[in-house]
């Protein structure tokens, strides 16, 4: 359970990266719908509300500020750099390529399709999949 909570915190952090305005959409893994992000920033997995992020880049959990995402795509937790996504969709952890978000929303790990993000910008999709599936 603690591992899942830590992953959620990290996802919420990345999802807020310099978006300005949020977009709603579905999250899928292996073809199955597993979650969604709505336009107010609520993140739901398997129907349950699991987090919220702000378009400003600040991330709050239970009203407390828990982190921030740099506008250049760097993912930071507790001030430490843990990953990034670049404009081409490459997702990196500690400088090593671990996955890719294609322009059509397909998510790949080691070249294999593992999921998709429909109607969600690349940065949001990358944040979700980085911490839930690419970083396993």
N, C-alpha and C. Protein backbone atom coordinates (compact mmCIF):
# COMPACT_ATOMS: atom_id res chain seq x y z
N UNK A 1 0.82 -1.19 0.00
CA UNK A 1 0.00 0.00 0.00
C UNK A 1 0.87 1.25 0.00
N UNK A 2 1.93 1.29 0.82
CA UNK A 2 2.80 2.46 0.89
C UNK A 2 3.47 2.70 -0.45
N UNK A 3 3.88 1.62 -1.14
CA UNK A 3 4.50 1.77 -2.46
C UNK A 3 3.53 2.43 -3.43
N UNK A 4 2.26 2.02 -3.39
CA UNK A 4 1.25 2.61 -4.26
C UNK A 4 1.04 4.08 -3.94
N UNK A 5 1.03 4.43 -2.67
CA UNK A 5 0.86 5.83 -2.27
C UNK A 5 2.03 6.66 -2.76
N UNK A 6 3.25 6.15 -2.61
CA UNK A 6 4.42 6.88 -3.08
C UNK A 6 4.38 7.05 -4.59
N UNK A 7 3.94 6.03 -5.31
CA UNK A 7 3.83 6.14 -6.76
C UNK A 7 2.79 7.19 -7.13
N UNK A 8 1.67 7.21 -6.41
CA UNK A 8 0.64 8.20 -6.69
C UNK A 8 1.18 9.61 -6.50
N UNK A 9 1.89 9.83 -5.41
CA UNK A 9 2.46 11.16 -5.16
C UNK A 9 3.36 11.56 -6.32
N UNK A 10 4.18 10.63 -6.78
CA UNK A 10 5.09 10.93 -7.88
C UNK A 10 4.32 11.20 -9.17
N UNK A 11 3.28 10.44 -9.43
CA UNK A 11 2.47 10.66 -10.62
C UNK A 11 1.85 12.04 -10.58
N UNK A 12 1.25 12.36 -9.47
CA UNK A 12 0.60 13.65 -9.34
C UNK A 12 1.60 14.77 -9.55
N UNK A 13 2.81 14.60 -9.04
CA UNK A 13 3.85 15.61 -9.26
C UNK A 13 4.12 15.80 -10.74
N UNK A 14 4.33 14.73 -11.46
CA UNK A 14 4.70 14.87 -12.86
C UNK A 14 3.54 15.37 -13.72
N UNK A 15 2.36 14.95 -13.38
CA UNK A 15 1.21 15.32 -14.19
C UNK A 15 1.00 16.82 -14.25
N UNK A 16 1.47 17.52 -13.26
CA UNK A 16 1.23 18.96 -13.21
C UNK A 16 2.25 19.76 -14.01
N UNK A 17 3.19 19.11 -14.63
CA UNK A 17 4.33 19.79 -15.26
C UNK A 17 3.94 20.81 -16.31
N UNK A 18 4.00 22.06 -15.96
CA UNK A 18 3.87 23.16 -16.90
C UNK A 18 2.70 23.05 -17.86
N UNK A 19 1.57 22.55 -17.43
CA UNK A 19 0.47 22.35 -18.36
C UNK A 19 -0.31 23.62 -18.66
N UNK A 20 -0.39 24.53 -17.72
CA UNK A 20 -1.17 25.74 -17.93
C UNK A 20 -2.66 25.47 -17.84
N UNK A 21 -3.19 24.63 -18.70
CA UNK A 21 -4.58 24.22 -18.60
C UNK A 21 -4.63 22.69 -18.67
N UNK A 22 -5.54 22.11 -17.94
CA UNK A 22 -5.63 20.66 -17.86
C UNK A 22 -6.60 20.14 -18.90
N UNK A 23 -6.38 18.91 -19.34
CA UNK A 23 -7.28 18.27 -20.29
C UNK A 23 -7.73 16.94 -19.72
N UNK A 24 -8.97 16.59 -19.99
CA UNK A 24 -9.51 15.33 -19.51
C UNK A 24 -9.19 14.22 -20.50
N UNK A 25 -9.14 13.00 -20.00
CA UNK A 25 -8.91 11.86 -20.89
C UNK A 25 -8.85 10.56 -20.13
N UNK A 26 -8.76 9.46 -20.89
CA UNK A 26 -8.72 8.12 -20.32
C UNK A 26 -7.31 7.57 -20.32
N UNK A 27 -7.04 6.72 -19.34
CA UNK A 27 -5.76 6.02 -19.23
C UNK A 27 -6.04 4.53 -19.41
N UNK A 28 -5.26 3.88 -20.27
CA UNK A 28 -5.45 2.45 -20.52
C UNK A 28 -4.13 1.71 -20.37
N UNK A 29 -4.22 0.47 -19.88
CA UNK A 29 -3.06 -0.41 -19.83
C UNK A 29 -3.49 -1.73 -20.46
N UNK A 30 -2.68 -2.20 -21.42
CA UNK A 30 -2.98 -3.44 -22.13
C UNK A 30 -4.41 -3.45 -22.66
N UNK A 31 -4.88 -2.30 -23.14
CA UNK A 31 -6.19 -2.19 -23.75
C UNK A 31 -7.35 -1.97 -22.79
N UNK A 32 -7.13 -2.14 -21.49
CA UNK A 32 -8.21 -1.99 -20.51
C UNK A 32 -8.18 -0.61 -19.88
N UNK A 33 -9.36 -0.02 -19.72
CA UNK A 33 -9.49 1.27 -19.06
C UNK A 33 -9.13 1.10 -17.59
N UNK A 34 -8.14 1.87 -17.11
CA UNK A 34 -7.74 1.78 -15.71
C UNK A 34 -7.92 3.08 -14.96
N UNK A 35 -8.13 4.18 -15.68
CA UNK A 35 -8.28 5.44 -14.97
C UNK A 35 -8.60 6.59 -15.88
N UNK A 36 -8.67 7.77 -15.26
CA UNK A 36 -8.97 8.98 -16.01
C UNK A 36 -8.43 10.20 -15.27
N UNK A 37 -8.30 11.26 -16.02
CA UNK A 37 -7.94 12.56 -15.47
C UNK A 37 -9.01 13.52 -15.96
N UNK A 38 -9.63 14.28 -15.04
CA UNK A 38 -10.64 15.23 -15.50
C UNK A 38 -10.07 16.63 -15.58
N UNK A 39 -10.84 17.54 -16.15
CA UNK A 39 -10.33 18.88 -16.43
C UNK A 39 -10.08 19.71 -15.17
N UNK A 40 -10.57 19.27 -14.02
CA UNK A 40 -10.29 19.99 -12.78
C UNK A 40 -9.02 19.48 -12.10
N UNK A 41 -8.40 18.43 -12.66
CA UNK A 41 -7.16 17.90 -12.11
C UNK A 41 -7.33 16.66 -11.26
N UNK A 42 -8.56 16.18 -11.11
CA UNK A 42 -8.78 14.96 -10.33
C UNK A 42 -8.27 13.75 -11.11
N UNK A 43 -7.54 12.88 -10.43
CA UNK A 43 -7.01 11.65 -11.02
C UNK A 43 -7.76 10.48 -10.39
N UNK A 44 -8.37 9.66 -11.23
CA UNK A 44 -9.10 8.49 -10.74
C UNK A 44 -8.49 7.23 -11.34
N UNK A 45 -8.33 6.22 -10.49
CA UNK A 45 -7.87 4.91 -10.92
C UNK A 45 -8.90 3.89 -10.49
N UNK A 46 -9.33 3.07 -11.42
CA UNK A 46 -10.35 2.05 -11.13
C UNK A 46 -11.55 2.65 -10.42
N UNK A 47 -11.93 3.87 -10.81
CA UNK A 47 -13.12 4.52 -10.27
C UNK A 47 -12.93 5.30 -8.98
N UNK A 48 -11.79 5.16 -8.34
CA UNK A 48 -11.56 5.84 -7.06
C UNK A 48 -10.71 7.08 -7.25
N UNK A 49 -11.09 8.16 -6.57
CA UNK A 49 -10.30 9.38 -6.59
C UNK A 49 -9.01 9.13 -5.82
N UNK A 50 -7.87 9.29 -6.50
CA UNK A 50 -6.58 9.00 -5.87
C UNK A 50 -5.67 10.21 -5.77
N UNK A 51 -6.03 11.30 -6.39
CA UNK A 51 -5.17 12.47 -6.31
C UNK A 51 -5.71 13.65 -7.07
N UNK A 52 -4.99 14.76 -6.94
CA UNK A 52 -5.35 15.99 -7.64
C UNK A 52 -4.08 16.78 -7.89
N UNK A 53 -4.00 17.41 -9.04
CA UNK A 53 -2.86 18.27 -9.32
C UNK A 53 -3.33 19.59 -9.88
N UNK A 54 -2.48 20.60 -9.76
CA UNK A 54 -2.82 21.95 -10.18
C UNK A 54 -2.05 22.32 -11.43
N UNK A 55 -2.65 23.13 -12.28
CA UNK A 55 -2.01 23.54 -13.52
C UNK A 55 -0.81 24.44 -13.29
N UNK A 56 -0.68 25.00 -12.10
CA UNK A 56 0.44 25.89 -11.79
C UNK A 56 1.76 25.14 -11.64
N UNK A 57 1.71 23.82 -11.49
CA UNK A 57 2.92 23.04 -11.25
C UNK A 57 3.03 22.60 -9.81
N UNK A 58 2.33 23.29 -8.90
CA UNK A 58 2.31 22.87 -7.50
C UNK A 58 1.42 21.64 -7.37
N UNK A 59 1.82 20.75 -6.47
CA UNK A 59 1.05 19.54 -6.23
C UNK A 59 0.72 19.48 -4.75
N UNK A 60 -0.55 19.25 -4.47
CA UNK A 60 -1.00 19.21 -3.09
C UNK A 60 -1.70 17.88 -2.81
N UNK A 61 -1.48 17.37 -1.62
CA UNK A 61 -2.17 16.18 -1.14
C UNK A 61 -2.71 16.53 0.24
N UNK A 62 -4.00 16.31 0.44
CA UNK A 62 -4.65 16.68 1.69
C UNK A 62 -4.39 18.13 2.06
N UNK A 63 -4.34 19.01 1.06
CA UNK A 63 -4.16 20.43 1.29
C UNK A 63 -2.72 20.88 1.47
N UNK A 64 -1.81 19.95 1.60
CA UNK A 64 -0.40 20.29 1.82
C UNK A 64 0.40 20.21 0.53
N UNK A 65 1.29 21.16 0.33
CA UNK A 65 2.17 21.15 -0.83
C UNK A 65 3.16 20.01 -0.69
N UNK A 66 3.20 19.13 -1.70
CA UNK A 66 4.11 17.99 -1.62
C UNK A 66 5.19 18.02 -2.68
N UNK A 67 5.13 18.94 -3.64
CA UNK A 67 6.17 19.01 -4.64
C UNK A 67 5.86 19.97 -5.75
N UNK A 68 6.73 19.97 -6.74
CA UNK A 68 6.59 20.85 -7.90
C UNK A 68 7.31 20.22 -9.09
N UNK A 69 6.79 20.49 -10.28
CA UNK A 69 7.40 20.02 -11.51
C UNK A 69 8.00 21.21 -12.24
N UNK A 70 9.23 21.05 -12.71
CA UNK A 70 9.87 22.11 -13.48
C UNK A 70 9.24 22.20 -14.86
N UNK A 71 9.16 23.40 -15.39
CA UNK A 71 8.53 23.60 -16.70
C UNK A 71 9.31 22.96 -17.84
N UNK A 72 10.57 22.58 -17.61
CA UNK A 72 11.37 21.95 -18.67
C UNK A 72 11.17 20.43 -18.74
N UNK A 73 10.26 19.88 -17.92
CA UNK A 73 9.98 18.45 -17.97
C UNK A 73 10.71 17.64 -16.92
N UNK A 74 11.56 18.28 -16.11
CA UNK A 74 12.24 17.55 -15.03
C UNK A 74 11.23 17.17 -13.95
N UNK A 75 11.34 15.94 -13.48
CA UNK A 75 10.48 15.43 -12.42
C UNK A 75 11.29 15.48 -11.13
N UNK A 76 10.78 16.19 -10.14
CA UNK A 76 11.49 16.31 -8.86
C UNK A 76 10.61 15.88 -7.71
N UNK A 77 11.21 15.19 -6.78
CA UNK A 77 10.55 14.83 -5.52
C UNK A 77 11.51 15.22 -4.40
N UNK A 78 10.99 15.90 -3.39
CA UNK A 78 11.82 16.36 -2.27
C UNK A 78 13.05 17.10 -2.76
N UNK A 79 12.91 17.84 -3.85
CA UNK A 79 14.00 18.63 -4.39
C UNK A 79 14.98 17.86 -5.26
N UNK A 80 14.85 16.55 -5.31
CA UNK A 80 15.79 15.73 -6.09
C UNK A 80 15.22 15.39 -7.46
N UNK A 81 16.07 15.45 -8.47
CA UNK A 81 15.69 15.07 -9.83
C UNK A 81 15.56 13.55 -9.91
N UNK A 82 14.40 13.06 -10.38
CA UNK A 82 14.19 11.62 -10.50
C UNK A 82 13.92 11.16 -11.92
N UNK A 83 13.60 12.08 -12.82
CA UNK A 83 13.31 11.69 -14.20
C UNK A 83 12.95 12.88 -15.05
N UNK A 84 12.62 12.59 -16.32
CA UNK A 84 12.25 13.66 -17.25
C UNK A 84 11.54 13.09 -18.46
N UNK A 85 10.86 14.00 -19.17
CA UNK A 85 10.32 13.67 -20.49
C UNK A 85 10.72 14.81 -21.41
N UNK A 86 11.14 14.46 -22.63
CA UNK A 86 11.51 15.52 -23.57
C UNK A 86 10.41 15.71 -24.61
N UNK A 87 10.58 16.69 -25.47
CA UNK A 87 9.53 17.05 -26.43
C UNK A 87 9.25 15.95 -27.45
N UNK A 88 10.17 15.02 -27.64
CA UNK A 88 9.93 13.92 -28.58
C UNK A 88 9.16 12.77 -27.94
N UNK A 89 8.96 12.82 -26.61
CA UNK A 89 8.22 11.78 -25.92
C UNK A 89 9.08 10.77 -25.20
N UNK A 90 10.41 10.90 -25.28
CA UNK A 90 11.29 9.98 -24.56
C UNK A 90 11.17 10.22 -23.05
N UNK A 91 11.03 9.13 -22.30
CA UNK A 91 10.91 9.19 -20.85
C UNK A 91 12.19 8.60 -20.26
N UNK A 92 12.82 9.36 -19.38
CA UNK A 92 14.10 8.94 -18.79
C UNK A 92 14.02 8.89 -17.27
N UNK A 93 14.77 7.94 -16.71
CA UNK A 93 14.95 7.84 -15.27
C UNK A 93 16.44 7.88 -15.02
N UNK A 94 16.88 8.82 -14.22
CA UNK A 94 18.31 8.98 -13.92
C UNK A 94 19.14 9.01 -15.20
N UNK A 95 18.61 9.64 -16.25
CA UNK A 95 19.33 9.79 -17.51
C UNK A 95 19.19 8.64 -18.49
N UNK A 96 18.68 7.51 -18.04
CA UNK A 96 18.53 6.34 -18.91
C UNK A 96 17.13 6.29 -19.51
N UNK A 97 17.06 6.00 -20.81
CA UNK A 97 15.78 5.88 -21.50
C UNK A 97 15.04 4.65 -20.97
N UNK A 98 13.80 4.87 -20.49
CA UNK A 98 13.01 3.74 -19.98
C UNK A 98 11.71 3.54 -20.74
N UNK A 99 11.34 4.51 -21.58
CA UNK A 99 10.09 4.37 -22.32
C UNK A 99 9.87 5.53 -23.26
N UNK A 100 8.70 5.49 -23.91
CA UNK A 100 8.37 6.54 -24.88
C UNK A 100 6.85 6.69 -24.94
N UNK A 101 6.42 7.95 -25.06
CA UNK A 101 5.02 8.26 -25.31
C UNK A 101 4.94 8.76 -26.74
N UNK A 102 4.33 7.99 -27.63
CA UNK A 102 4.21 8.38 -29.04
C UNK A 102 3.20 9.52 -29.17
N UNK A 103 3.27 10.25 -30.28
CA UNK A 103 2.38 11.39 -30.49
C UNK A 103 0.91 10.98 -30.54
N UNK A 104 0.61 9.72 -30.85
CA UNK A 104 -0.79 9.26 -30.89
C UNK A 104 -1.28 8.77 -29.53
N UNK A 105 -0.43 8.87 -28.48
CA UNK A 105 -0.82 8.46 -27.14
C UNK A 105 -0.38 7.06 -26.75
N UNK A 106 0.18 6.29 -27.70
CA UNK A 106 0.67 4.95 -27.36
C UNK A 106 1.85 5.06 -26.41
N UNK A 107 1.89 4.15 -25.43
CA UNK A 107 2.96 4.13 -24.43
C UNK A 107 3.78 2.87 -24.64
N UNK A 108 5.09 3.03 -24.77
CA UNK A 108 5.98 1.90 -25.03
C UNK A 108 7.03 1.77 -23.94
N UNK A 109 7.32 0.51 -23.59
CA UNK A 109 8.41 0.19 -22.67
C UNK A 109 9.25 -0.86 -23.37
N UNK A 110 10.55 -0.59 -23.50
CA UNK A 110 11.45 -1.51 -24.21
C UNK A 110 10.91 -1.83 -25.61
N UNK A 111 10.29 -0.85 -26.25
CA UNK A 111 9.77 -1.03 -27.60
C UNK A 111 8.41 -1.68 -27.70
N UNK A 112 7.92 -2.25 -26.61
CA UNK A 112 6.62 -2.93 -26.62
C UNK A 112 5.51 -2.00 -26.16
N UNK A 113 4.37 -2.08 -26.84
CA UNK A 113 3.21 -1.29 -26.47
C UNK A 113 2.65 -1.81 -25.15
N UNK A 114 2.53 -0.91 -24.14
CA UNK A 114 1.98 -1.33 -22.84
C UNK A 114 0.70 -0.58 -22.48
N UNK A 115 0.37 0.47 -23.21
CA UNK A 115 -0.84 1.22 -22.86
C UNK A 115 -1.06 2.38 -23.78
N UNK A 116 -2.05 3.20 -23.42
CA UNK A 116 -2.35 4.39 -24.20
C UNK A 116 -3.02 5.43 -23.33
N UNK A 117 -2.94 6.66 -23.78
CA UNK A 117 -3.58 7.78 -23.10
C UNK A 117 -4.38 8.52 -24.15
N UNK A 118 -5.69 8.47 -24.05
CA UNK A 118 -6.58 9.05 -25.05
C UNK A 118 -7.05 10.42 -24.59
N UNK A 119 -6.75 11.44 -25.39
CA UNK A 119 -7.20 12.79 -25.07
C UNK A 119 -6.38 13.49 -24.02
N UNK A 120 -5.24 12.95 -23.67
CA UNK A 120 -4.39 13.52 -22.62
C UNK A 120 -3.07 13.95 -23.23
N UNK A 121 -2.59 15.16 -22.92
CA UNK A 121 -1.30 15.60 -23.43
C UNK A 121 -0.17 14.66 -23.02
N UNK A 122 0.89 14.66 -23.80
CA UNK A 122 2.03 13.78 -23.58
C UNK A 122 2.60 13.88 -22.17
N UNK A 123 2.73 15.09 -21.64
CA UNK A 123 3.31 15.25 -20.31
C UNK A 123 2.46 14.57 -19.25
N UNK A 124 1.15 14.69 -19.35
CA UNK A 124 0.28 14.03 -18.39
C UNK A 124 0.40 12.51 -18.51
N UNK A 125 0.36 12.01 -19.73
CA UNK A 125 0.46 10.57 -19.94
C UNK A 125 1.80 10.03 -19.45
N UNK A 126 2.85 10.75 -19.75
CA UNK A 126 4.19 10.31 -19.34
C UNK A 126 4.28 10.23 -17.83
N UNK A 127 3.73 11.20 -17.15
CA UNK A 127 3.77 11.18 -15.69
C UNK A 127 3.07 9.97 -15.12
N UNK A 128 1.90 9.70 -15.64
CA UNK A 128 1.15 8.55 -15.15
C UNK A 128 1.91 7.25 -15.40
N UNK A 129 2.30 7.02 -16.64
CA UNK A 129 2.94 5.76 -16.98
C UNK A 129 4.36 5.64 -16.43
N UNK A 130 5.06 6.77 -16.27
CA UNK A 130 6.41 6.73 -15.70
C UNK A 130 6.39 6.02 -14.36
N UNK A 131 5.51 6.44 -13.49
CA UNK A 131 5.54 5.92 -12.13
C UNK A 131 4.73 4.65 -11.93
N UNK A 132 3.78 4.37 -12.79
CA UNK A 132 2.98 3.17 -12.59
C UNK A 132 3.46 1.98 -13.39
N UNK A 133 4.07 2.22 -14.55
CA UNK A 133 4.40 1.07 -15.40
C UNK A 133 5.80 1.09 -16.00
N UNK A 134 6.31 2.24 -16.39
CA UNK A 134 7.63 2.29 -17.00
C UNK A 134 8.73 2.11 -15.97
N UNK A 135 8.48 2.53 -14.76
CA UNK A 135 9.49 2.57 -13.70
C UNK A 135 9.47 1.33 -12.82
N UNK A 136 8.83 0.26 -13.24
CA UNK A 136 8.75 -0.96 -12.42
C UNK A 136 10.03 -1.74 -12.46
